[in-house]
Amino acid sequence: MKDLQFKTNINCGGCVSKVTPILNSTEGVCEWNVDTTKKDKVLTVKTGSLSASEIIATVERAGFKAQTL
């Protein structure tokens, strides 16, 4: 299990509610959260099988941007 962190533009509760069904239904995502209180809006994803690029593609499908930290 590894924790991957990304800087995102997921910056409010509405954004979190849009990305929630996508991340929750992605096989390989065990747990995730977004710290919307910090300037960089850090998304942390716990996964055992997904790469950083696969997580970025998933976030982009939800309509948001992500880049690795």
PDB file of N, CA and C in Angstrom:
ATOM      1  N   MET A   1       0.849  -1.173   0.000  1.00  0.00           N
ATOM      2  CA  MET A   1       0.000   0.000   0.000  1.00  0.00           C
ATOM      3  C   MET A   1       0.895   1.236   0.000  1.00  0.00           C
ATOM      4  N   LYS A   2       0.579   2.174  -0.865  1.00  0.00           N
ATOM      5  CA  LYS A   2       1.358   3.414  -0.927  1.00  0.00           C
ATOM      6  C   LYS A   2       0.419   4.609  -0.932  1.00  0.00           C
ATOM      7  N   ASP A   3       0.928   5.717  -0.413  1.00  0.00           N
ATOM      8  CA  ASP A   3       0.202   6.990  -0.435  1.00  0.00           C
ATOM      9  C   ASP A   3       0.789   7.850  -1.537  1.00  0.00           C
ATOM     10  N   LEU A   4      -0.051   8.299  -2.458  1.00  0.00           N
ATOM     11  CA  LEU A   4       0.370   9.201  -3.522  1.00  0.00           C
ATOM     12  C   LEU A   4      -0.265  10.554  -3.261  1.00  0.00           C
ATOM     13  N   GLN A   5       0.503  11.623  -3.468  1.00  0.00           N
ATOM     14  CA  GLN A   5      -0.022  12.961  -3.226  1.00  0.00           C
ATOM     15  C   GLN A   5       0.051  13.798  -4.495  1.00  0.00           C
ATOM     16  N   PHE A   6      -0.991  14.615  -4.665  1.00  0.00           N
ATOM     17  CA  PHE A   6      -1.137  15.433  -5.859  1.00  0.00           C
ATOM     18  C   PHE A   6      -1.607  16.829  -5.491  1.00  0.00           C
ATOM     19  N   LYS A   7      -1.097  17.820  -6.191  1.00  0.00           N
ATOM     20  CA  LYS A   7      -1.639  19.177  -6.112  1.00  0.00           C
ATOM     21  C   LYS A   7      -2.817  19.214  -7.074  1.00  0.00           C
ATOM     22  N   THR A   8      -3.965  19.712  -6.615  1.00  0.00           N
ATOM     23  CA  THR A   8      -5.172  19.692  -7.447  1.00  0.00           C
ATOM     24  C   THR A   8      -5.863  21.049  -7.461  1.00  0.00           C
ATOM     25  N   ASN A   9      -6.885  21.144  -8.295  1.00  0.00           N
ATOM     26  CA  ASN A   9      -7.767  22.310  -8.272  1.00  0.00           C
ATOM     27  C   ASN A   9      -9.129  21.940  -7.680  1.00  0.00           C
ATOM     28  N   ILE A  10      -9.168  20.881  -6.883  1.00  0.00           N
ATOM     29  CA  ILE A  10     -10.358  20.488  -6.125  1.00  0.00           C
ATOM     30  C   ILE A  10     -10.350  21.351  -4.871  1.00  0.00           C
ATOM     31  N   ASN A  11     -11.160  22.418  -4.854  1.00  0.00           N
ATOM     32  CA  ASN A  11     -10.969  23.407  -3.798  1.00  0.00           C
ATOM     33  C   ASN A  11     -12.179  23.709  -2.915  1.00  0.00           C
ATOM     34  N   CYS A  12     -13.262  22.951  -3.059  1.00  0.00           N
ATOM     35  CA  CYS A  12     -14.426  23.216  -2.207  1.00  0.00           C
ATOM     36  C   CYS A  12     -15.262  21.943  -2.065  1.00  0.00           C
ATOM     37  N   GLY A  13     -16.266  22.022  -1.226  1.00  0.00           N
ATOM     38  CA  GLY A  13     -17.136  20.870  -1.005  1.00  0.00           C
ATOM     39  C   GLY A  13     -17.854  20.422  -2.262  1.00  0.00           C
ATOM     40  N   GLY A  14     -18.242  21.377  -3.108  1.00  0.00           N
ATOM     41  CA  GLY A  14     -18.903  21.032  -4.368  1.00  0.00           C
ATOM     42  C   GLY A  14     -17.979  20.241  -5.285  1.00  0.00           C
ATOM     43  N   CYS A  15     -16.710  20.652  -5.321  1.00  0.00           N
ATOM     44  CA  CYS A  15     -15.718  19.938  -6.136  1.00  0.00           C
ATOM     45  C   CYS A  15     -15.520  18.518  -5.599  1.00  0.00           C
ATOM     46  N   VAL A  16     -15.418  18.419  -4.281  1.00  0.00           N
ATOM     47  CA  VAL A  16     -15.239  17.107  -3.650  1.00  0.00           C
ATOM     48  C   VAL A  16     -16.430  16.208  -3.981  1.00  0.00           C
ATOM     49  N   SER A  17     -17.637  16.757  -3.960  1.00  0.00           N
ATOM     50  CA  SER A  17     -18.812  15.932  -4.258  1.00  0.00           C
ATOM     51  C   SER A  17     -18.834  15.474  -5.715  1.00  0.00           C
ATOM     52  N   LYS A  18     -18.221  16.245  -6.614  1.00  0.00           N
ATOM     53  CA  LYS A  18     -18.157  15.825  -8.021  1.00  0.00           C
ATOM     54  C   LYS A  18     -17.136  14.705  -8.238  1.00  0.00           C
ATOM     55  N   VAL A  19     -16.030  14.758  -7.514  1.00  0.00           N
ATOM     56  CA  VAL A  19     -14.968  13.769  -7.715  1.00  0.00           C
ATOM     57  C   VAL A  19     -15.197  12.492  -6.889  1.00  0.00           C
ATOM     58  N   THR A  20     -16.006  12.592  -5.833  1.00  0.00           N
ATOM     59  CA  THR A  20     -16.235  11.448  -4.936  1.00  0.00           C
ATOM     60  C   THR A  20     -16.712  10.186  -5.656  1.00  0.00           C
ATOM     61  N   PRO A  21     -17.773  10.241  -6.485  1.00  0.00           N
ATOM     62  CA  PRO A  21     -18.223   8.984  -7.108  1.00  0.00           C
ATOM     63  C   PRO A  21     -17.171   8.386  -8.048  1.00  0.00           C
ATOM     64  N   ILE A  22     -16.370   9.223  -8.680  1.00  0.00           N
ATOM     65  CA  ILE A  22     -15.345   8.727  -9.603  1.00  0.00           C
ATOM     66  C   ILE A  22     -14.243   8.003  -8.825  1.00  0.00           C
ATOM     67  N   LEU A  23     -13.713   8.654  -7.784  1.00  0.00           N
ATOM     68  CA  LEU A  23     -12.637   8.030  -7.013  1.00  0.00           C
ATOM     69  C   LEU A  23     -13.136   6.822  -6.232  1.00  0.00           C
ATOM     70  N   ASN A  24     -14.349   6.902  -5.689  1.00  0.00           N
ATOM     71  CA  ASN A  24     -14.884   5.776  -4.917  1.00  0.00           C
ATOM     72  C   ASN A  24     -15.129   4.550  -5.787  1.00  0.00           C
ATOM     73  N   SER A  25     -15.402   4.743  -7.067  1.00  0.00           N
ATOM     74  CA  SER A  25     -15.683   3.600  -7.941  1.00  0.00           C
ATOM     75  C   SER A  25     -14.451   3.119  -8.700  1.00  0.00           C
ATOM     76  N   THR A  26     -13.315   3.756  -8.498  1.00  0.00           N
ATOM     77  CA  THR A  26     -12.089   3.355  -9.195  1.00  0.00           C
ATOM     78  C   THR A  26     -11.439   2.191  -8.467  1.00  0.00           C
ATOM     79  N   GLU A  27     -11.321   1.069  -9.176  1.00  0.00           N
ATOM     80  CA  GLU A  27     -10.698  -0.104  -8.584  1.00  0.00           C
ATOM     81  C   GLU A  27      -9.235   0.192  -8.296  1.00  0.00           C
ATOM     82  N   GLY A  28      -8.791  -0.135  -7.100  1.00  0.00           N
ATOM     83  CA  GLY A  28      -7.410   0.116  -6.709  1.00  0.00           C
ATOM     84  C   GLY A  28      -7.264   1.299  -5.767  1.00  0.00           C
ATOM     85  N   VAL A  29      -8.285   2.165  -5.693  1.00  0.00           N
ATOM     86  CA  VAL A  29      -8.266   3.274  -4.739  1.00  0.00           C
ATOM     87  C   VAL A  29      -8.854   2.748  -3.433  1.00  0.00           C
ATOM     88  N   CYS A  30      -8.008   2.646  -2.412  1.00  0.00           N
ATOM     89  CA  CYS A  30      -8.469   2.116  -1.124  1.00  0.00           C
ATOM     90  C   CYS A  30      -9.049   3.208  -0.242  1.00  0.00           C
ATOM     91  N   GLU A  31      -8.420   4.373  -0.307  1.00  0.00           N
ATOM     92  CA  GLU A  31      -8.837   5.486   0.544  1.00  0.00           C
ATOM     93  C   GLU A  31      -8.299   6.766  -0.091  1.00  0.00           C
ATOM     94  N   TRP A  32      -8.988   7.872   0.094  1.00  0.00           N
ATOM     95  CA  TRP A  32      -8.508   9.145  -0.441  1.00  0.00           C
ATOM     96  C   TRP A  32      -9.094  10.293   0.344  1.00  0.00           C
ATOM     97  N   ASN A  33      -8.425  11.442   0.284  1.00  0.00           N
ATOM     98  CA  ASN A  33      -8.966  12.663   0.854  1.00  0.00           C
ATOM     99  C   ASN A  33      -8.294  13.867   0.210  1.00  0.00           C
ATOM    100  N   VAL A  34      -8.952  15.003   0.298  1.00  0.00           N
ATOM    101  CA  VAL A  34      -8.436  16.256  -0.239  1.00  0.00           C
ATOM    102  C   VAL A  34      -8.390  17.264   0.897  1.00  0.00           C
ATOM    103  N   ASP A  35      -7.235  17.869   1.092  1.00  0.00           N
ATOM    104  CA  ASP A  35      -7.101  18.923   2.098  1.00  0.00           C
ATOM    105  C   ASP A  35      -7.399  20.256   1.418  1.00  0.00           C
ATOM    106  N   THR A  36      -8.653  20.695   1.499  1.00  0.00           N
ATOM    107  CA  THR A  36      -9.047  21.939   0.826  1.00  0.00           C
ATOM    108  C   THR A  36      -8.697  23.170   1.655  1.00  0.00           C
ATOM    109  N   THR A  37      -8.144  22.978   2.861  1.00  0.00           N
ATOM    110  CA  THR A  37      -7.789  24.118   3.696  1.00  0.00           C
ATOM    111  C   THR A  37      -6.421  24.693   3.338  1.00  0.00           C
ATOM    112  N   LYS A  38      -5.590  23.913   2.671  1.00  0.00           N
ATOM    113  CA  LYS A  38      -4.251  24.378   2.292  1.00  0.00           C
ATOM    114  C   LYS A  38      -4.277  25.010   0.906  1.00  0.00           C
ATOM    115  N   LYS A  39      -3.329  25.890   0.646  1.00  0.00           N
ATOM    116  CA  LYS A  39      -3.261  26.596  -0.633  1.00  0.00           C
ATOM    117  C   LYS A  39      -3.149  25.638  -1.817  1.00  0.00           C
ATOM    118  N   ASP A  40      -2.364  24.562  -1.657  1.00  0.00           N
ATOM    119  CA  ASP A  40      -2.116  23.642  -2.774  1.00  0.00           C
ATOM    120  C   ASP A  40      -3.201  22.598  -2.984  1.00  0.00           C
ATOM    121  N   LYS A  41      -4.217  22.523  -2.103  1.00  0.00           N
ATOM    122  CA  LYS A  41      -5.334  21.573  -2.259  1.00  0.00           C
ATOM    123  C   LYS A  41      -4.815  20.156  -2.537  1.00  0.00           C
ATOM    124  N   VAL A  42      -4.158  19.570  -1.552  1.00  0.00           N
ATOM    125  CA  VAL A  42      -3.473  18.291  -1.721  1.00  0.00           C
ATOM    126  C   VAL A  42      -4.445  17.115  -1.644  1.00  0.00           C
ATOM    127  N   LEU A  43      -4.428  16.310  -2.706  1.00  0.00           N
ATOM    128  CA  LEU A  43      -5.185  15.056  -2.763  1.00  0.00           C
ATOM    129  C   LEU A  43      -4.229  13.933  -2.383  1.00  0.00           C
ATOM    130  N   THR A  44      -4.599  13.142  -1.393  1.00  0.00           N
ATOM    131  CA  THR A  44      -3.821  11.974  -0.987  1.00  0.00           C
ATOM    132  C   THR A  44      -4.642  10.736  -1.305  1.00  0.00           C
ATOM    133  N   VAL A  45      -4.029   9.808  -2.041  1.00  0.00           N
ATOM    134  CA  VAL A  45      -4.706   8.570  -2.433  1.00  0.00           C
ATOM    135  C   VAL A  45      -3.894   7.391  -1.925  1.00  0.00           C
ATOM    136  N   LYS A  46      -4.555   6.482  -1.215  1.00  0.00           N
ATOM    137  CA  LYS A  46      -3.928   5.244  -0.753  1.00  0.00           C
ATOM    138  C   LYS A  46      -4.299   4.155  -1.748  1.00  0.00           C
ATOM    139  N   THR A  47      -3.285   3.543  -2.347  1.00  0.00           N
ATOM    140  CA  THR A  47      -3.531   2.515  -3.359  1.00  0.00           C
ATOM    141  C   THR A  47      -2.464   1.431  -3.282  1.00  0.00           C
ATOM    142  N   GLY A  48      -2.846   0.262  -3.711  1.00  0.00           N
ATOM    143  CA  GLY A  48      -1.895  -0.830  -3.770  1.00  0.00           C
ATOM    144  C   GLY A  48      -1.521  -1.185  -5.190  1.00  0.00           C
ATOM    145  N   SER A  49      -2.263  -0.638  -6.163  1.00  0.00           N
ATOM    146  CA  SER A  49      -2.053  -1.092  -7.536  1.00  0.00           C
ATOM    147  C   SER A  49      -1.982   0.003  -8.592  1.00  0.00           C
ATOM    148  N   LEU A  50      -2.417   1.213  -8.270  1.00  0.00           N
ATOM    149  CA  LEU A  50      -2.474   2.250  -9.300  1.00  0.00           C
ATOM    150  C   LEU A  50      -1.211   3.108  -9.323  1.00  0.00           C
ATOM    151  N   SER A  51      -0.866   3.586 -10.512  1.00  0.00           N
ATOM    152  CA  SER A  51       0.273   4.495 -10.657  1.00  0.00           C
ATOM    153  C   SER A  51      -0.221   5.927 -10.531  1.00  0.00           C
ATOM    154  N   ALA A  52       0.720   6.841 -10.369  1.00  0.00           N
ATOM    155  CA  ALA A  52       0.372   8.263 -10.282  1.00  0.00           C
ATOM    156  C   ALA A  52      -0.345   8.718 -11.548  1.00  0.00           C
ATOM    157  N   SER A  53       0.107   8.264 -12.703  1.00  0.00           N
ATOM    158  CA  SER A  53      -0.521   8.695 -13.960  1.00  0.00           C
ATOM    159  C   SER A  53      -1.953   8.173 -14.077  1.00  0.00           C
ATOM    160  N   GLU A  54      -2.232   6.996 -13.537  1.00  0.00           N
ATOM    161  CA  GLU A  54      -3.603   6.461 -13.559  1.00  0.00           C
ATOM    162  C   GLU A  54      -4.519   7.287 -12.650  1.00  0.00           C
ATOM    163  N   ILE A  55      -4.015   7.720 -11.509  1.00  0.00           N
ATOM    164  CA  ILE A  55      -4.807   8.564 -10.609  1.00  0.00           C
ATOM    165  C   ILE A  55      -5.071   9.917 -11.271  1.00  0.00           C
ATOM    166  N   ILE A  56      -4.052  10.494 -11.895  1.00  0.00           N
ATOM    167  CA  ILE A  56      -4.208  11.780 -12.582  1.00  0.00           C
ATOM    168  C   ILE A  56      -5.278  11.667 -13.660  1.00  0.00           C
ATOM    169  N   ALA A  57      -5.250  10.588 -14.441  1.00  0.00           N
ATOM    170  CA  ALA A  57      -6.255  10.384 -15.491  1.00  0.00           C
ATOM    171  C   ALA A  57      -7.655  10.268 -14.890  1.00  0.00           C
ATOM    172  N   THR A  58      -7.780   9.621 -13.743  1.00  0.00           N
ATOM    173  CA  THR A  58      -9.067   9.473 -13.072  1.00  0.00           C
ATOM    174  C   THR A  58      -9.599  10.833 -12.612  1.00  0.00           C
ATOM    175  N   VAL A  59      -8.725  11.635 -12.023  1.00  0.00           N
ATOM    176  CA  VAL A  59      -9.118  12.976 -11.568  1.00  0.00           C
ATOM    177  C   VAL A  59      -9.533  13.834 -12.770  1.00  0.00           C
ATOM    178  N   GLU A  60      -8.805  13.714 -13.863  1.00  0.00           N
ATOM    179  CA  GLU A  60      -9.130  14.485 -15.069  1.00  0.00           C
ATOM    180  C   GLU A  60     -10.475  14.070 -15.655  1.00  0.00           C
ATOM    181  N   ARG A  61     -10.834  12.776 -15.562  1.00  0.00           N
ATOM    182  CA  ARG A  61     -12.150  12.313 -16.021  1.00  0.00           C
ATOM    183  C   ARG A  61     -13.270  12.983 -15.238  1.00  0.00           C
ATOM    184  N   ALA A  62     -12.974  13.325 -13.982  1.00  0.00           N
ATOM    185  CA  ALA A  62     -13.968  13.999 -13.135  1.00  0.00           C
ATOM    186  C   ALA A  62     -14.009  15.513 -13.421  1.00  0.00           C
ATOM    187  N   GLY A  63     -13.109  15.990 -14.271  1.00  0.00           N
ATOM    188  CA  GLY A  63     -13.120  17.400 -14.659  1.00  0.00           C
ATOM    189  C   GLY A  63     -12.159  18.281 -13.895  1.00  0.00           C
ATOM    190  N   PHE A  64     -11.185  17.673 -13.225  1.00  0.00           N
ATOM    191  CA  PHE A  64     -10.232  18.435 -12.429  1.00  0.00           C
ATOM    192  C   PHE A  64      -8.808  18.146 -12.868  1.00  0.00           C
ATOM    193  N   LYS A  65      -7.887  18.958 -12.380  1.00  0.00           N
ATOM    194  CA  LYS A  65      -6.471  18.783 -12.701  1.00  0.00           C
ATOM    195  C   LYS A  65      -5.749  18.248 -11.485  1.00  0.00           C
ATOM    196  N   ALA A  66      -4.676  17.481 -11.743  1.00  0.00           N
ATOM    197  CA  ALA A  66      -3.833  16.981 -10.667  1.00  0.00           C
ATOM    198  C   ALA A  66      -2.416  16.851 -11.185  1.00  0.00           C
ATOM    199  N   GLN A  67      -1.458  17.154 -10.317  1.00  0.00           N
ATOM    200  CA  GLN A  67      -0.060  16.920 -10.660  1.00  0.00           C
ATOM    201  C   GLN A  67       0.636  16.373  -9.431  1.00  0.00           C
ATOM    202  N   THR A  68       1.590  15.487  -9.647  1.00  0.00           N
ATOM    203  CA  THR A  68       2.264  14.842  -8.535  1.00  0.00           C
ATOM    204  C   THR A  68       3.067  15.848  -7.737  1.00  0.00           C
ATOM    205  N   LEU A  69       3.165  15.579  -6.440  1.00  0.00           N
ATOM    206  CA  LEU A  69       3.989  16.392  -5.543  1.00  0.00           C
ATOM    207  C   LEU A  69       5.319  15.719  -5.322  1.00  0.00           C
TER     208      LEU A  69
END
